[in-house]
Protein backbone atom coordinates (compact mmCIF):
# COMPACT_ATOMS: atom_id res chain seq x y z
CA MET A 1 85.71 -196.17 48.73
CA THR A 2 89.48 -196.01 48.22
CA LYS A 3 91.61 -193.06 49.23
CA ARG A 4 92.68 -192.75 45.61
CA VAL A 5 89.12 -192.38 44.30
CA LEU A 6 88.42 -189.68 46.90
CA ALA A 7 91.71 -187.92 46.30
CA ILE A 8 91.78 -187.96 42.54
CA ALA A 9 88.28 -187.97 41.30
CA ALA A 10 91.28 -190.30 43.24
CA LEU A 11 89.46 -186.34 42.33
CA SER A 12 89.54 -188.62 40.88
CA ALA A 13 86.44 -193.07 36.10
CA PRO A 14 86.68 -194.32 33.25
CA LEU A 15 83.63 -192.20 33.68
CA VAL A 16 81.58 -192.43 30.65
CA LEU A 17 79.52 -191.04 27.97
CA LEU A 18 77.52 -188.66 26.11
CA ALA A 19 74.18 -188.54 24.28
CA ALA A 20 72.83 -185.75 22.14
CA GLY A 21 70.44 -184.04 19.78
CA CYS A 22 68.54 -180.97 18.65
CA GLY A 23 64.90 -180.37 17.95
CA GLY A 24 63.25 -178.41 15.18
CA ASP A 25 65.63 -177.41 12.38
CA GLN A 26 68.41 -179.61 13.69
CA PHE A 27 72.09 -178.92 13.01
CA PRO A 28 71.84 -176.50 10.07
CA GLN A 29 74.98 -176.00 8.03
CA SER A 30 77.09 -173.31 9.67
CA THR A 31 79.64 -171.01 8.07
CA THR A 32 81.44 -170.88 11.42
CA SER A 33 81.74 -174.64 11.86
CA PRO A 34 85.38 -175.80 12.07
CA THR A 35 84.53 -178.81 9.93
CA SER A 36 84.60 -178.48 6.16
CA ALA A 37 82.14 -181.18 5.08
CA PRO A 38 78.45 -180.15 4.81
CA TYR A 39 76.38 -181.57 7.61
CA HIS A 40 73.14 -183.28 6.54
CA VAL A 41 70.71 -183.05 9.42
CA PRO A 42 69.71 -186.40 10.97
CA ARG A 43 66.08 -186.39 12.13
CA ASP A 44 66.28 -189.45 14.35
CA PRO A 45 67.53 -188.56 17.88
CA HIS A 46 69.48 -191.82 18.04
CA ALA A 47 71.25 -190.92 14.79
CA VAL A 48 71.98 -187.45 16.18
CA VAL A 49 73.70 -188.96 19.20
CA LEU A 50 75.83 -191.32 17.14
CA ALA A 51 76.71 -188.57 14.67
CA SER A 52 77.84 -186.30 17.50
CA VAL A 53 80.76 -188.61 18.27
CA GLN A 54 82.30 -188.23 14.83
CA ARG A 55 81.25 -184.60 14.56
CA THR A 56 82.90 -183.63 17.84
CA SER A 57 86.04 -185.70 17.26
CA ALA A 58 86.49 -183.93 13.91
CA LEU A 59 87.13 -180.68 15.79
CA LYS A 60 90.45 -182.22 16.94
CA SER A 61 90.61 -180.63 20.41
CA ALA A 62 88.73 -178.69 23.09
CA ARG A 63 88.91 -177.24 26.54
CA LEU A 64 86.94 -179.16 29.14
CA ALA A 65 85.34 -178.53 32.51
CA LEU A 66 84.61 -181.46 34.79
CA SER A 67 82.72 -182.03 38.01
CA MET A 68 82.31 -185.28 39.96
CA GLN A 69 80.19 -185.99 43.03
CA LEU A 70 79.86 -189.16 45.08
CA VAL A 71 76.26 -189.94 46.03
CA GLY A 72 74.45 -192.71 47.92
CA GLY A 73 75.47 -195.94 49.59
CA GLY A 74 77.17 -194.49 52.67
CA ALA A 75 80.59 -194.50 50.94
CA GLY A 76 81.67 -191.12 52.27
CA SER A 77 81.61 -187.78 50.47
CA MET A 78 83.43 -186.41 47.45
CA THR A 79 82.91 -183.28 45.36
CA VAL A 80 85.50 -182.38 42.72
CA THR A 81 85.75 -179.82 39.95
CA GLY A 82 88.43 -179.19 37.37
CA THR A 83 89.44 -177.78 34.01
CA GLY A 84 91.76 -178.93 31.26
CA VAL A 85 92.29 -179.66 27.59
CA PHE A 86 91.78 -182.70 25.38
CA ASP A 87 93.25 -183.66 22.01
CA PHE A 88 90.81 -186.03 20.27
CA VAL A 89 93.35 -187.01 17.61
CA ASP A 90 96.45 -187.78 19.70
CA LYS A 91 94.40 -189.04 22.69
CA ALA A 92 96.11 -186.58 25.02
CA ALA A 93 94.56 -184.69 27.93
CA SER A 94 95.59 -182.56 30.87
CA LEU A 95 93.42 -181.85 33.95
CA SER A 96 93.77 -179.85 37.15
CA LEU A 97 91.31 -180.95 39.83
CA HIS A 98 90.35 -179.78 43.30
CA GLY A 99 87.61 -180.39 45.83
CA GLU A 100 86.97 -182.31 49.03
CA GLY A 101 86.83 -185.94 50.09
CA ASN A 102 85.28 -186.85 53.44
CA GLY A 103 85.59 -183.25 54.57
CA GLN A 104 89.28 -182.93 53.65
CA PRO A 105 90.57 -180.69 50.83
CA VAL A 106 92.07 -182.60 47.94
CA SER A 107 93.76 -181.59 44.70
CA ALA A 108 95.37 -183.42 41.82
CA GLU A 109 96.82 -183.05 38.37
CA MET A 110 96.27 -185.66 35.68
CA ARG A 111 97.71 -186.17 32.22
CA LEU A 112 96.63 -188.72 29.63
CA ILE A 113 99.14 -189.49 26.89
CA GLY A 114 98.36 -192.39 24.59
CA GLY A 115 97.73 -195.39 26.81
CA THR A 116 99.27 -193.97 29.99
CA VAL A 117 97.76 -191.89 32.80
CA TYR A 118 100.00 -189.68 34.97
CA GLU A 119 98.68 -188.47 38.32
CA ARG A 120 100.04 -186.12 40.99
CA THR A 121 98.29 -185.60 44.32
CA GLY A 122 101.38 -184.33 46.19
CA THR A 123 104.83 -183.53 44.87
CA ALA A 124 105.57 -186.72 42.94
CA TRP A 125 104.07 -187.92 39.66
CA GLN A 126 102.90 -191.52 39.35
CA SER A 127 101.95 -193.38 36.17
CA LEU A 128 99.88 -196.39 35.20
CA PRO A 129 98.29 -197.81 32.04
CA VAL A 130 94.81 -196.55 31.22
CA SER A 131 93.67 -200.18 31.42
CA ASP A 132 94.52 -200.20 35.15
CA THR A 133 92.64 -197.03 36.13
CA ASP A 134 89.49 -197.14 38.22
CA VAL A 135 86.10 -195.47 38.02
CA GLY A 136 87.50 -192.37 39.73
CA SER A 137 89.95 -191.49 36.94
CA PRO A 138 88.55 -189.18 34.23
CA ASP A 139 89.06 -190.41 30.65
CA PRO A 140 87.52 -188.13 27.97
CA GLU A 141 88.34 -190.61 25.21
CA ALA A 142 86.29 -193.29 26.96
CA TYR A 143 83.29 -190.96 27.15
CA LEU A 144 83.20 -190.57 23.38
CA THR A 145 83.68 -194.30 22.82
CA TYR A 146 80.90 -195.22 25.25
CA LEU A 147 78.54 -192.89 23.42
CA LYS A 148 78.72 -195.24 20.45
CA GLY A 149 76.81 -197.70 22.64
CA VAL A 150 73.80 -195.44 23.20
CA SER A 151 70.52 -197.36 22.98
CA SER A 152 67.87 -196.52 20.36
CA ALA A 153 65.49 -195.05 22.99
CA VAL A 154 66.89 -191.51 22.87
CA ARG A 155 64.44 -188.76 23.85
CA VAL A 156 64.43 -184.98 23.51
CA GLU A 157 64.11 -183.42 26.98
CA GLY A 158 64.41 -179.71 26.28
CA HIS A 159 66.62 -176.85 25.16
CA ASP A 160 69.31 -175.07 27.18
CA THR A 161 72.12 -172.57 26.74
CA VAL A 162 75.54 -173.97 27.62
CA ARG A 163 78.33 -171.39 27.91
CA GLY A 164 76.38 -169.02 25.67
CA VAL A 165 75.63 -171.67 23.00
CA ALA A 166 72.08 -172.88 22.25
CA THR A 167 71.75 -176.66 22.65
CA THR A 168 69.15 -179.40 22.73
CA ARG A 169 69.13 -181.69 25.75
CA TYR A 170 68.72 -185.44 25.22
CA GLY A 171 68.23 -188.28 27.67
CA ALA A 172 69.34 -191.82 26.89
CA ARG A 173 71.05 -194.90 28.27
CA ILE A 174 74.29 -196.55 27.30
CA ASP A 175 73.73 -200.27 26.76
CA LEU A 176 77.18 -201.80 27.31
CA GLU A 177 76.13 -205.37 26.54
CA SER A 178 74.52 -204.39 23.25
CA ALA A 179 77.42 -202.10 22.41
CA LEU A 180 79.87 -204.93 22.98
CA SER A 181 78.01 -207.14 20.50
CA ARG A 182 78.13 -204.33 17.89
CA ALA A 183 81.73 -203.21 18.53
CA MET A 184 83.48 -202.45 15.25
CA SER A 185 87.07 -202.71 16.45
CA PRO A 186 89.18 -204.38 19.19
CA ALA A 187 89.63 -200.96 20.82
CA GLU A 188 85.86 -200.41 21.07
CA ARG A 189 85.32 -203.93 22.33
CA SER A 190 87.98 -203.42 25.01
CA ALA A 191 86.43 -200.11 26.11
CA PHE A 192 82.93 -201.57 26.51
CA GLU A 193 84.22 -204.65 28.36
CA ARG A 194 86.23 -202.46 30.71
CA GLY A 195 83.33 -200.08 31.36
CA SER A 196 81.07 -202.93 32.40
CA LYS A 197 83.75 -204.52 34.57
CA LEU A 198 84.66 -201.27 36.34
CA THR A 199 81.16 -200.13 37.24
CA GLY A 200 79.03 -203.27 37.36
CA ASP A 201 76.60 -201.36 35.11
CA VAL A 202 75.15 -202.84 31.94
CA SER A 203 72.99 -199.75 31.32
CA ILE A 204 74.27 -196.26 32.18
CA PRO A 205 71.89 -193.26 32.31
CA VAL A 206 73.22 -190.24 30.45
CA THR A 207 72.06 -186.75 29.50
CA VAL A 208 73.72 -184.92 26.62
CA TRP A 209 73.58 -181.38 25.26
CA ILE A 210 74.30 -180.91 21.52
CA ASP A 211 74.68 -177.61 19.65
CA GLY A 212 73.32 -176.65 16.23
CA ASP A 213 76.40 -177.99 14.44
CA GLY A 214 76.04 -181.43 16.00
CA HIS A 215 78.87 -180.97 18.51
CA LEU A 216 78.72 -182.30 22.04
CA ARG A 217 78.75 -179.41 24.49
CA LYS A 218 77.87 -181.09 27.77
CA MET A 219 77.07 -184.50 29.25
CA GLN A 220 76.00 -185.90 32.58
CA LEU A 221 76.17 -189.54 33.60
CA SER A 222 75.88 -191.66 36.72
CA LEU A 223 78.48 -194.40 37.24
CA SER A 224 78.28 -197.22 39.75
CA LEU A 225 81.19 -197.97 42.07
CA ALA A 226 80.05 -201.59 42.43
CA LEU A 227 82.31 -204.31 41.10
CA THR A 228 79.43 -206.78 41.04
CA PRO A 229 75.67 -206.41 40.44
CA PRO A 230 73.29 -205.06 41.50
CA ALA A 231 74.96 -201.80 40.54
CA SER A 232 71.73 -199.85 41.00
CA ALA A 233 72.00 -200.12 44.82
CA SER A 234 75.66 -199.09 45.05
CA PRO A 235 77.31 -195.69 45.61
CA ARG A 236 77.59 -193.74 42.38
CA ILE A 237 79.73 -190.97 40.92
CA VAL A 238 77.70 -188.33 39.07
CA VAL A 239 79.87 -186.77 36.36
CA VAL A 240 79.28 -183.57 34.41
CA LEU A 241 81.60 -182.82 31.48
CA GLU A 242 81.54 -179.67 29.31
CA LEU A 243 83.50 -179.11 26.07
CA TYR A 244 84.23 -175.65 24.64
CA ASP A 245 86.83 -173.63 22.70
CA PHE A 246 87.08 -176.33 20.05
CA GLY A 247 90.21 -176.53 17.91
CA ILE A 248 92.63 -174.95 20.40
CA PRO A 249 96.32 -176.02 20.38
CA VAL A 250 97.02 -178.78 22.91
CA HIS A 251 100.50 -179.68 24.14
CA VAL A 252 100.69 -182.39 26.80
CA THR A 253 104.03 -183.90 27.82
CA ALA A 254 104.87 -186.81 30.09
CA PRO A 255 106.31 -185.79 33.49
CA VAL A 256 109.97 -186.57 34.01
CA SER A 257 110.76 -189.51 36.32
CA ALA A 258 107.16 -190.47 37.02
CA GLY A 259 106.88 -193.51 39.29
CA ASP A 260 104.63 -196.48 38.65
CA LEU A 261 101.30 -195.93 40.41
CA ARG A 262 100.61 -199.67 40.43
CA THR A 263 103.78 -200.17 42.44
CA ALA A 264 102.86 -197.35 44.82
CA ALA A 265 99.38 -198.80 45.33
CA ALA A 266 100.78 -202.28 45.96
CA ASN A 267 103.27 -200.89 48.47
CA GLU A 268 100.55 -198.97 50.28
CA ALA A 269 98.30 -202.04 50.50
CA THR A 270 101.10 -204.19 51.94
CA GLN A 271 102.15 -201.53 54.42
CA SER A 272 98.53 -201.25 55.56
CA ASP A 273 98.43 -205.04 56.13
CA LEU A 274 101.57 -204.85 58.23
CA ARG A 275 100.26 -202.00 60.37
CA ASP A 276 97.04 -203.97 61.00
CA ALA A 277 99.09 -207.05 61.86
CA LEU A 278 101.18 -205.14 64.38
CA THR A 279 98.01 -203.75 65.96
CA ALA A 280 96.79 -207.34 66.38
CA GLU A 281 100.12 -208.35 67.91
CA LYS A 282 99.94 -205.47 70.38
CA THR A 283 96.41 -206.49 71.30
CA TYR A 284 97.72 -209.95 72.16
CA TYR A 285 100.69 -208.48 74.02
CA THR A 286 98.40 -206.38 76.23
CA ASP A 287 96.84 -209.56 77.61
CA GLN A 288 99.82 -211.93 77.58
CA GLU A 289 102.83 -209.57 77.97
CA GLN A 290 104.52 -211.27 75.04
CA TYR A 291 104.08 -211.50 71.28
CA SER A 292 102.92 -214.57 69.35
CA ALA A 293 103.90 -216.13 66.00
CA ASP A 294 101.00 -218.62 66.03
CA PRO A 295 99.00 -218.00 62.80
CA ALA A 296 95.81 -219.57 64.17
CA LEU A 297 95.95 -217.49 67.31
CA MET A 298 96.61 -214.25 65.47
CA ARG A 299 93.90 -215.06 62.92
CA SER A 300 91.40 -215.16 65.79
CA ILE A 301 92.31 -211.52 66.54
CA GLU A 302 92.54 -210.20 62.94
CA SER A 303 90.97 -212.60 60.45
CA SER A 304 91.36 -210.40 57.36
CA LEU A 305 95.11 -211.02 57.12
CA ASP A 306 96.90 -214.01 55.58
CA TRP A 307 98.74 -215.13 58.74
CA GLY A 308 101.23 -217.88 57.98
CA GLY A 309 100.74 -217.33 54.23
CA LYS A 310 102.01 -214.16 52.58
CA LEU A 311 102.20 -212.55 56.03
CA THR A 312 104.92 -214.02 58.27
CA ALA A 313 105.55 -213.33 61.95
CA VAL A 314 108.72 -214.05 63.94
CA VAL A 315 109.02 -213.51 67.71
CA GLY A 316 112.38 -212.93 69.40
CA HIS A 317 114.17 -211.67 72.52
CA ALA A 318 114.82 -208.26 74.01
CA GLY A 319 117.98 -208.81 76.01
CA SER A 320 117.42 -212.09 77.84
CA THR A 321 113.60 -211.82 77.92
CA ALA A 322 111.73 -213.95 75.39
CA GLY A 323 108.68 -212.84 73.48
CA GLN A 324 109.41 -209.12 73.69
CA VAL A 325 110.23 -208.53 70.01
CA VAL A 326 108.07 -209.26 66.98
CA CYS A 327 108.86 -208.83 63.29
CA LEU A 328 106.25 -209.09 60.54
CA SER A 329 106.91 -209.18 56.80
CA GLU A 330 104.88 -209.43 53.61
CA ALA A 331 105.56 -209.27 49.86
CA THR A 332 103.61 -206.88 47.63
CA SER A 333 101.77 -207.98 44.50
CA ARG A 334 104.62 -206.37 42.53
CA GLY A 335 107.34 -208.42 44.24
CA ALA A 336 108.76 -205.96 46.80
CA VAL A 337 108.98 -206.99 50.47
CA PHE A 338 108.29 -204.81 53.51
CA SER A 339 108.63 -205.52 57.22
CA ILE A 340 107.52 -203.93 60.46
CA ALA A 341 108.87 -204.78 63.92
CA ASP A 342 108.27 -203.77 67.50
CA ILE A 343 110.44 -203.94 70.63
CA ALA A 344 108.27 -203.93 73.74
CA MET A 345 110.92 -203.21 76.39
CA GLY A 346 114.45 -201.94 76.93
CA PRO A 347 116.41 -198.90 75.72
CA SER A 348 115.50 -199.56 72.04
CA ALA A 349 111.75 -199.98 72.66
CA GLY A 350 109.62 -198.79 69.75
CA THR A 351 108.46 -199.59 66.24
CA TYR A 352 110.81 -200.07 63.28
CA TYR A 353 110.30 -200.42 59.51
CA GLY A 354 112.18 -202.32 56.80
CA HIS A 355 112.28 -202.65 53.00
CA ALA A 356 113.27 -206.33 53.17
CA PRO A 357 112.23 -209.50 55.00
CA CYS A 358 112.77 -209.70 58.75
CA PRO A 359 116.43 -210.18 59.76
CA PRO A 360 117.66 -213.81 60.10
CA VAL A 361 117.91 -213.37 63.86
CA VAL A 362 115.06 -211.37 65.38
CA ASP A 363 116.18 -209.63 68.57
CA ASP A 364 116.27 -206.09 69.84
CA ALA A 365 119.70 -205.37 68.35
CA ALA A 366 118.78 -206.56 64.84
CA VAL A 367 115.39 -204.84 64.86
CA ALA A 368 116.83 -201.55 66.14
CA ALA A 369 119.05 -201.49 63.04
CA LEU A 370 115.94 -201.05 60.86
CA GLY A 371 114.62 -197.63 59.93
CA ARG A 372 112.15 -195.50 61.85
CA HIS A 373 109.89 -195.20 58.81
CA TRP A 374 109.39 -196.74 55.35
């Protein structure tokens, strides 16, 4: 489970879905409905679910309440709740989220504008394309799209009141493989392909609550965190989404000077590799009282790192004593290079950090010129 998923829910999927319906005199025409066209009541629950996508989208916007909980698989703990707004027409959303991940409080803000997601878990905003988000990043537009893939086996499960509105509760499954074969547009096809790739699921259980006008009021779904089958045995995120106050004005703007979250994630991954590599070097130093640049030797201590490949190690002198300085460097997947170095003895002893490859000559003087943090 990544720190980002726990922190956003990273509090933060494309999550997914909705399914819906009403029993008895379903979806009578309403003088209070924000839509102008008369609504002819579908009697088939499957048709009700499909109709709810268009019916809800026609309301143009809504407030939303969201909760996410990580369950099963020993992947840690996460419980997140939040509120926000969503514009169905302009594909814009804003969410404020808070909760806990592995016992630690977490909070985040998210904005969706067109094809870009903006996230803030501290003081700085980061951005990335929607296509690069993970299963922990809420995406209301994806939920509605996935609903178009609901299987024909939709069942009425009961009747409930959601935020003071009478609804019928339906249970169903989203069949991503079947939906992909029936996709009507490149955008739908892309959404179904991405949903299957992100979760490892081909069939997603979903419960949906629909009001008397055919509008989606609430949905619950369970999303796998597995990247490969069998998804059924993996940790899952249980998502509950509620929509209300339809037709409200929505104004979402892009944060100024938002960084690229893909770059930040790549930097973090590389820095983590370098810290692990230095830990391995210090393990070797404890036994041998000197550092090593031998990839095979270091691989025997920490096999998860690409010693001698993207990760390079250079050993140098501290004063006149050999083997007392080590510098490690690695390039990120986005092309930046970071380094970490350690001086084991002398007045400059300590760990140093760089935003470039190791210096041409690795000794205590050159390493001490690096920064004390990245």
